[in-house]
Protein backbone atom coordinates (compact mmCIF):
# COMPACT_ATOMS: atom_id res chain seq x y z
CA MET A 1 -4.63 -24.71 4.95
CA ILE A 2 -1.27 -23.31 4.92
CA GLU A 3 1.68 -23.69 7.12
CA LEU A 4 4.51 -22.07 6.80
CA GLN A 5 7.29 -24.02 8.98
CA HIS A 6 10.84 -22.50 9.69
CA LEU A 7 10.51 -21.28 6.06
CA LYS A 8 13.69 -19.96 4.84
CA LYS A 9 15.26 -18.18 1.39
CA GLU A 10 18.72 -17.37 1.20
CA TYR A 11 20.58 -15.29 -1.86
CA PRO A 12 24.18 -14.61 -2.02
CA ASN A 13 24.84 -10.88 -0.25
CA VAL A 14 21.15 -11.55 1.69
CA THR A 15 18.72 -13.77 3.55
CA PRO A 16 14.78 -11.77 3.75
CA LEU A 17 13.40 -14.51 5.20
CA GLN A 18 15.20 -15.90 7.70
CA ASP A 19 12.56 -18.05 10.05
CA VAL A 20 8.57 -18.01 8.64
CA ASN A 21 6.08 -19.55 10.83
CA ALA A 22 2.92 -19.11 10.36
CA VAL A 23 -0.40 -20.55 9.63
CA ILE A 24 -3.30 -19.42 7.16
CA ARG A 25 -6.79 -20.55 7.03
CA GLU A 26 -9.31 -20.95 4.83
CA GLY A 27 -11.44 -17.80 4.02
CA ASP A 28 -8.15 -15.87 5.87
CA VAL A 29 -7.61 -12.15 3.94
CA ILE A 30 -4.25 -11.18 5.41
CA SER A 31 -2.48 -8.40 4.30
CA VAL A 32 1.38 -8.10 4.46
CA ILE A 33 2.73 -4.94 5.63
CA GLY A 34 6.45 -3.78 6.65
CA PRO A 35 9.07 -2.00 5.80
CA SER A 36 10.82 -2.12 2.20
CA GLY A 37 13.22 -5.11 1.89
CA THR A 38 11.83 -7.28 4.40
CA GLY A 39 10.99 -10.07 2.17
CA LYS A 40 6.94 -9.57 1.97
CA SER A 41 7.43 -10.44 -1.85
CA THR A 42 9.74 -12.96 -1.35
CA LEU A 43 7.62 -14.56 1.11
CA LEU A 44 4.54 -14.56 -1.19
CA ARG A 45 6.78 -15.85 -4.39
CA CYS A 46 7.97 -18.15 -2.06
CA ILE A 47 5.01 -19.88 -1.24
CA ASN A 48 3.56 -20.15 -4.87
CA LEU A 49 6.95 -21.94 -5.67
CA LEU A 50 7.92 -19.17 -8.58
CA GLU A 51 10.81 -18.86 -6.01
CA LYS A 52 12.47 -22.12 -4.04
CA PRO A 53 13.06 -21.99 -0.82
CA THR A 54 16.44 -22.35 0.90
CA GLY A 55 15.18 -24.39 4.18
CA GLY A 56 12.23 -25.16 6.20
CA LYS A 57 8.40 -26.37 4.80
CA ILE A 58 5.48 -25.31 3.35
CA ILE A 59 1.84 -27.54 4.31
CA LEU A 60 -1.10 -27.19 1.31
CA ASP A 61 -4.05 -29.02 2.43
CA GLY A 62 -1.62 -31.55 4.34
CA GLU A 63 0.82 -31.93 1.64
CA GLU A 64 3.93 -30.90 2.08
CA ILE A 65 4.56 -29.03 -1.64
CA THR A 66 8.42 -28.34 -0.74
CA ALA A 67 9.14 -31.72 -0.97
CA PRO A 68 11.37 -32.67 -4.08
CA ASP A 69 9.03 -35.24 -5.48
CA CYS A 70 6.01 -32.38 -5.58
CA ASP A 71 4.38 -31.74 -8.63
CA VAL A 72 4.92 -27.83 -8.89
CA THR A 73 2.71 -27.40 -11.65
CA ARG A 74 -0.35 -29.21 -9.71
CA VAL A 75 0.28 -26.92 -6.61
CA ARG A 76 0.16 -23.84 -8.97
CA GLN A 77 -3.28 -24.54 -10.21
CA LYS A 78 -4.04 -23.85 -6.67
CA MET A 79 -2.82 -20.67 -6.00
CA GLY A 80 -3.38 -17.64 -7.97
CA MET A 81 -0.52 -14.79 -8.62
CA VAL A 82 -1.42 -11.16 -9.19
CA PHE A 83 1.43 -9.32 -10.14
CA GLN A 84 2.14 -5.47 -9.80
CA SER A 85 3.22 -5.06 -13.32
CA PHE A 86 -0.28 -7.16 -14.79
CA ASN A 87 1.85 -9.79 -17.54
CA LEU A 88 -0.61 -9.73 -20.00
CA PHE A 89 0.11 -11.14 -23.19
CA GLY A 90 0.25 -7.98 -25.64
CA HIS A 91 -0.26 -9.99 -28.69
CA LEU A 92 -3.80 -11.15 -27.22
CA THR A 93 -7.11 -9.92 -26.69
CA ILE A 94 -8.61 -9.70 -22.98
CA ILE A 95 -10.79 -12.92 -23.74
CA GLU A 96 -8.16 -14.52 -25.34
CA ASN A 97 -5.57 -13.75 -22.29
CA ILE A 98 -8.16 -14.74 -19.79
CA MET A 99 -9.02 -18.20 -21.73
CA LEU A 100 -5.34 -19.10 -22.19
CA ALA A 101 -4.33 -21.01 -19.06
CA PRO A 102 -8.17 -22.56 -18.61
CA VAL A 103 -7.43 -24.51 -21.83
CA LYS A 104 -3.77 -25.29 -21.90
CA LEU A 105 -3.89 -26.17 -17.93
CA LEU A 106 -7.08 -27.33 -17.32
CA HIS A 107 -8.04 -28.82 -20.54
CA LYS A 108 -11.46 -26.81 -20.76
CA SER A 109 -13.32 -26.37 -24.30
CA ARG A 110 -12.66 -23.01 -25.56
CA GLN A 111 -16.34 -22.09 -25.36
CA GLU A 112 -16.31 -23.19 -21.58
CA ALA A 113 -13.64 -21.18 -21.07
CA PHE A 114 -15.01 -18.33 -23.18
CA GLU A 115 -18.01 -18.26 -21.16
CA ARG A 116 -16.39 -18.38 -17.81
CA GLY A 117 -13.64 -15.22 -19.00
CA MET A 118 -17.12 -13.18 -19.76
CA GLU A 119 -18.37 -13.79 -16.30
CA LEU A 120 -15.12 -12.97 -14.82
CA LEU A 121 -14.63 -9.59 -16.96
CA ARG A 122 -18.43 -9.03 -16.10
CA MET A 123 -17.74 -9.13 -12.15
CA VAL A 124 -14.75 -6.50 -12.82
CA GLY A 125 -16.70 -4.44 -14.72
CA LEU A 126 -14.92 -4.73 -18.43
CA ALA A 127 -17.31 -7.09 -20.05
CA GLU A 128 -17.28 -4.54 -23.31
CA LYS A 129 -13.31 -5.16 -23.48
CA TYR A 130 -13.15 -8.66 -24.26
CA LEU A 131 -11.86 -8.09 -28.07
CA ASN A 132 -9.18 -4.94 -27.18
CA TYR A 133 -5.58 -5.36 -26.94
CA PRO A 134 -4.05 -5.01 -23.37
CA ASP A 135 -2.17 -1.86 -24.85
CA GLN A 136 -5.74 -0.36 -25.16
CA LEU A 137 -6.46 -0.18 -21.37
CA SER A 138 -5.38 1.88 -18.76
CA GLY A 139 -3.51 0.54 -15.86
CA GLY A 140 -6.60 -0.01 -13.76
CA GLN A 141 -8.28 -1.85 -16.11
CA LYS A 142 -5.23 -3.91 -16.78
CA GLN A 143 -4.88 -5.35 -13.88
CA ARG A 144 -8.70 -5.90 -13.45
CA VAL A 145 -7.75 -8.02 -16.06
CA ALA A 146 -5.01 -9.23 -14.61
CA ILE A 147 -7.35 -10.29 -11.46
CA ALA A 148 -9.64 -12.15 -14.24
CA ARG A 149 -7.51 -13.86 -15.44
CA THR A 150 -6.39 -15.48 -12.12
CA LEU A 151 -9.91 -16.21 -11.32
CA ALA A 152 -10.48 -18.43 -14.05
CA MET A 153 -8.09 -20.75 -12.74
CA ASP A 154 -10.44 -21.14 -9.93
CA PRO A 155 -7.93 -20.77 -7.38
CA GLU A 156 -7.69 -21.70 -3.59
CA ILE A 157 -6.20 -18.88 -2.52
CA ILE A 158 -4.70 -15.69 -4.58
CA LEU A 159 -1.28 -13.81 -3.84
CA PHE A 160 -1.68 -9.98 -4.52
CA ASP A 161 1.95 -8.58 -4.97
CA GLU A 162 1.40 -4.50 -4.50
CA PRO A 163 -1.60 -4.77 -6.95
CA THR A 164 -1.54 -1.30 -7.23
CA SER A 165 1.71 0.16 -7.09
CA ALA A 166 2.30 0.31 -10.42
CA LEU A 167 -0.67 2.62 -10.87
CA ASP A 168 -1.56 6.01 -11.31
CA PRO A 169 -3.33 7.01 -8.40
CA THR A 170 -6.27 7.96 -10.02
CA MET A 171 -6.74 4.23 -10.91
CA VAL A 172 -5.94 2.67 -7.51
CA GLY A 173 -9.82 2.79 -6.17
CA GLU A 174 -11.18 0.70 -8.95
CA VAL A 175 -8.60 -1.93 -8.24
CA GLN A 176 -8.96 -2.55 -4.82
CA ALA A 177 -12.80 -2.05 -4.88
CA VAL A 178 -12.74 -5.68 -7.00
CA ILE A 179 -10.53 -6.76 -4.39
CA LYS A 180 -12.66 -5.62 -1.55
CA ASP A 181 -15.73 -7.97 -3.48
CA LEU A 182 -13.68 -10.80 -3.95
CA ALA A 183 -12.51 -10.74 -0.04
CA ASP A 184 -16.52 -10.13 0.60
CA THR A 185 -16.86 -13.82 -1.06
CA GLY A 186 -14.86 -16.00 1.75
CA LYS A 187 -11.97 -15.94 -1.04
CA THR A 188 -8.22 -16.91 0.82
CA MET A 189 -6.00 -14.17 0.05
CA MET A 190 -2.37 -12.64 0.60
CA ILE A 191 -1.68 -9.19 0.02
CA VAL A 192 1.58 -7.14 -0.06
CA THR A 193 0.54 -3.60 -0.04
CA HIS A 194 1.91 -0.19 1.36
CA GLU A 195 -1.20 1.33 1.67
CA MET A 196 -2.34 1.22 5.50
CA LYS A 197 -5.91 2.36 4.74
CA PHE A 198 -6.54 -0.38 2.22
CA ALA A 199 -5.04 -2.98 4.16
CA ARG A 200 -6.99 -2.23 7.43
CA SER A 201 -10.18 -1.85 5.41
CA VAL A 202 -9.93 -5.55 3.59
CA CYS A 203 -8.37 -7.65 5.70
CA ASN A 204 -9.42 -9.94 9.01
CA ARG A 205 -5.43 -10.06 10.12
CA VAL A 206 -2.07 -8.52 9.17
CA PHE A 207 1.23 -9.80 8.74
CA TYR A 208 3.61 -7.36 9.96
CA MET A 209 7.17 -8.21 8.68
CA ASP A 210 10.68 -7.16 9.96
CA GLN A 211 14.00 -9.65 11.20
CA GLY A 212 13.76 -11.97 8.44
CA GLY A 213 10.08 -13.17 9.52
CA ILE A 214 6.56 -12.46 10.85
CA TYR A 215 7.51 -9.63 13.55
CA GLU A 216 3.83 -9.58 14.52
CA ASP A 217 0.46 -11.44 13.80
CA GLY A 218 -2.59 -9.75 14.39
CA THR A 219 -5.66 -8.21 13.83
CA PRO A 220 -5.88 -5.01 11.63
CA GLU A 221 -6.94 -2.80 15.50
CA GLN A 222 -4.39 -4.45 17.24
CA ILE A 223 -1.42 -3.79 14.75
CA PHE A 224 -2.68 -0.38 13.28
CA GLU A 225 -4.23 0.85 17.30
CA HIS A 226 -2.22 -1.16 19.44
CA PRO A 227 1.08 -2.63 18.22
CA GLN A 228 2.25 -4.97 21.13
CA ARG A 229 6.27 -5.50 19.62
CA GLU A 230 8.84 -1.97 19.54
CA ARG A 231 9.63 -2.01 15.75
CA THR A 232 5.97 -2.41 14.83
CA ARG A 233 5.20 0.45 17.11
CA GLN A 234 7.55 2.43 15.49
CA PHE A 235 6.56 1.66 11.90
CA ILE A 236 2.98 1.99 12.29
CA PHE A 237 3.87 5.66 14.12
CA ARG A 238 5.73 6.81 10.89
CA LEU A 239 3.13 5.53 8.59
CA LYS A 240 1.26 8.15 10.50
CA THR A 241 3.12 11.24 10.40
CA LEU A 242 5.49 12.81 8.12
CA GLU A 243 8.78 14.53 9.52
CA LEU A 244 10.37 16.97 6.79
CA GLN A 245 14.33 18.99 7.92
CA VAL A 246 14.00 22.25 6.57
CA THR A 247 17.46 23.78 6.73
CA GLY A 248 17.35 27.15 5.41
CA ARG A 249 16.78 28.83 2.63
CA GLU A 250 18.38 26.59 0.07
CA PHE A 251 16.07 23.65 1.34
CA ASP A 252 14.41 21.53 -1.54
CA PHE A 253 11.26 22.81 -1.74
CA ILE A 254 10.30 20.41 -4.76
CA GLY A 255 11.38 17.30 -2.79
CA SER A 256 9.58 18.48 0.35
CA THR A 257 6.30 18.56 -1.62
CA SER A 258 6.86 15.18 -3.47
CA GLU A 259 7.70 13.92 0.21
CA ILE A 260 3.96 15.08 1.41
CA GLU A 261 2.19 13.83 -1.84
CA LYS A 262 4.34 10.06 -1.06
CA TYR A 263 2.50 10.09 2.31
CA CYS A 264 -0.67 11.19 1.53
CA TYR A 265 -0.82 8.37 -1.28
CA ARG A 266 0.67 5.73 1.01
CA ASN A 267 -1.52 6.09 3.51
CA GLN A 268 -4.64 6.88 1.14
CA ILE A 269 -5.52 10.39 2.07
CA SER A 270 -7.51 12.61 -0.64
CA VAL A 271 -5.69 14.25 -3.34
CA LEU A 272 -7.29 17.44 -2.64
CA THR A 273 -5.96 17.21 1.41
CA ALA A 274 -3.05 16.72 -0.35
CA LYS A 275 -3.21 20.02 -2.27
CA ARG A 276 -4.42 21.86 0.63
CA ILE A 277 -1.25 20.05 2.90
CA VAL A 278 1.29 21.59 0.37
CA SER A 279 -0.42 24.55 0.19
CA VAL A 280 -0.55 25.00 3.76
CA PHE A 281 3.26 24.05 3.87
CA GLU A 282 4.60 26.68 0.99
CA GLU A 283 2.82 29.74 2.79
CA LEU A 284 3.41 28.85 6.40
CA VAL A 285 7.14 27.86 5.70
CA ALA A 286 8.56 29.19 2.77
CA GLN A 287 6.59 32.57 2.23
CA ILE A 288 6.04 33.40 5.80
CA LEU A 289 8.72 31.61 8.21
CA LEU A 290 11.82 31.43 5.94
CA PRO A 291 12.41 35.05 4.95
CA GLU A 292 12.09 35.60 8.63
CA LEU A 293 14.08 32.94 9.63
CA GLY A 294 16.48 32.49 7.18
CA ASP A 295 19.09 29.48 7.93
CA THR A 296 16.93 28.37 10.81
CA PRO A 297 16.57 25.01 11.04
CA MET A 298 13.07 23.73 11.35
CA GLN A 299 11.23 20.24 11.59
CA VAL A 300 7.88 20.07 9.64
CA ILE A 301 5.79 17.53 11.29
CA VAL A 302 2.17 16.59 9.08
CA GLU A 303 -0.36 14.48 10.94
CA HIS A 304 -3.13 13.09 9.61
CA SER A 305 -6.08 11.17 11.20
CA GLU A 306 -9.38 9.41 10.24
CA GLU A 307 -10.53 7.86 13.66
CA GLY A 308 -13.56 10.54 14.49
CA ALA A 309 -16.52 11.61 12.70
CA MET A 310 -14.10 14.08 10.77
CA PRO A 311 -10.62 13.92 9.19
CA GLU A 312 -8.01 16.14 11.07
CA THR A 313 -4.84 17.05 9.44
CA THR A 314 -2.20 18.94 11.70
CA LEU A 315 1.04 20.94 10.06
CA THR A 316 3.49 21.76 13.04
CA VAL A 317 6.68 23.66 12.60
CA ASP A 318 8.89 23.44 15.18
CA TYR A 319 12.11 25.37 15.45
CA THR A 320 14.23 27.58 18.10
CA GLY A 321 15.15 30.92 17.73
CA LYS A 322 13.64 34.47 17.20
CA ALA A 323 9.67 34.23 17.30
CA VAL A 324 7.72 34.72 14.46
CA ASP A 325 3.80 35.16 14.77
CA PRO A 326 2.54 34.58 11.14
CA ALA A 327 -0.52 36.50 12.05
CA THR A 328 1.61 40.11 11.95
CA SER A 329 4.00 38.78 8.88
CA GLU A 330 4.92 41.38 6.38
CA ASN A 331 3.33 38.82 3.32
CA GLN A 332 -0.25 39.44 4.58
CA LEU A 333 -1.44 37.78 1.16
CA ALA A 334 0.36 34.46 2.23
CA TRP A 335 -1.67 34.74 5.53
CA LYS A 336 -4.96 35.39 4.28
CA ILE A 337 -4.72 32.23 2.16
CA LEU A 338 -3.24 30.47 5.24
CA ARG A 339 -6.19 30.94 7.11
CA SER A 340 -8.09 30.67 4.32
CA GLN A 341 -7.07 26.68 4.41
CA CYS A 342 -7.10 26.23 8.11
CA LYS A 343 -9.29 25.96 11.16
CA SER A 344 -6.74 27.43 13.48
CA VAL A 345 -2.98 28.60 13.47
CA GLU A 346 -1.85 29.13 17.14
CA ARG A 347 1.94 29.59 18.31
CA THR A 348 3.03 28.58 21.49
CA GLN A 349 6.73 29.08 23.10
CA GLU A 350 8.60 26.89 25.33
CA GLY A 351 11.52 28.67 26.34
CA GLU A 352 13.89 29.39 22.98
CA GLN A 353 11.64 26.42 21.03
CA GLN A 354 8.87 28.13 19.11
CA ILE A 355 5.96 25.85 18.17
CA ILE A 356 3.12 27.25 15.13
CA ARG A 357 0.58 24.28 14.59
CA ALA A 358 -1.63 24.72 11.56
CA LYS A 359 -4.95 22.53 11.67
CA LEU A 360 -6.16 22.14 7.87
CA ASN A 361 -10.32 22.97 7.33
CA PRO A 362 -11.16 19.02 6.26
CA VAL A 363 -11.93 18.95 2.64
CA ALA A 364 -15.62 17.95 1.88
């Protein structure tokens, strides 16, 4: 369906895409992942010709769409783009937003465009909002309307550029559900996302982008469980763990809890589990260990896994120096709260290295 040959995109001070080669088949659902700044969004914008590639070719259904004489407007009608910022027209009602492009570009009658628009709104669960204006909708509802608007053009492929990154965490699920339903219909899609659990559940292929190109291309199982290349392994390992450095009494507690919340959001760990991790971190590190250890540096590692029958979350504190047993801490209230949140709290010692591992109770 789409073939990328030595695709390059260069800006004055940076070259996000140096040599991208790939074949996207009809029916593929591809999650595009990787560190920030590796050209994920640029790749989508080049495929849709919103950005003009500096070099290489893009071939769609046998036609080179990067050729100088290509009709860009016609090509764009084959590819829908869903942006992270919705891009709805605020002065138009929801149904008017959806009808606009089919009437203007596909020359459909207003009645035909209206009927198709209502069908799509029913599909995304917003038919009752058809006369509302965008500012009367939540972020999740706006994004669902944006998806319906894209589908109204009957595109062959849909490109999603971080479609949930601008949403409140409580609204992410409703948009992801619509995208999963589209994937089940066999629609060809590419999705740039930082939400790894979603990426794994919705796609049949994963592009891991790094070093100016598609660094590794594989199935979700390969990329997330058995990555073949070093940078992919490093990225996936960092996703599954969070490392925090506690430097002493004056460490940034608020910043650390914010990092925990970001880690949980990125990996789609439930809000209740996130709150439990923050609570365990506060009681063990801030209330029990810091008063005993003072300015002794500590490394805190959070690990979360959903591979087994029940999710497992572990918070490990690693430091060198005085042995502290949380069970005999002077702060018995903190210890009681900690124990109520954990299946077990174990302490081990290797020379001067002290390790305290708290296994959290799973959230029902």
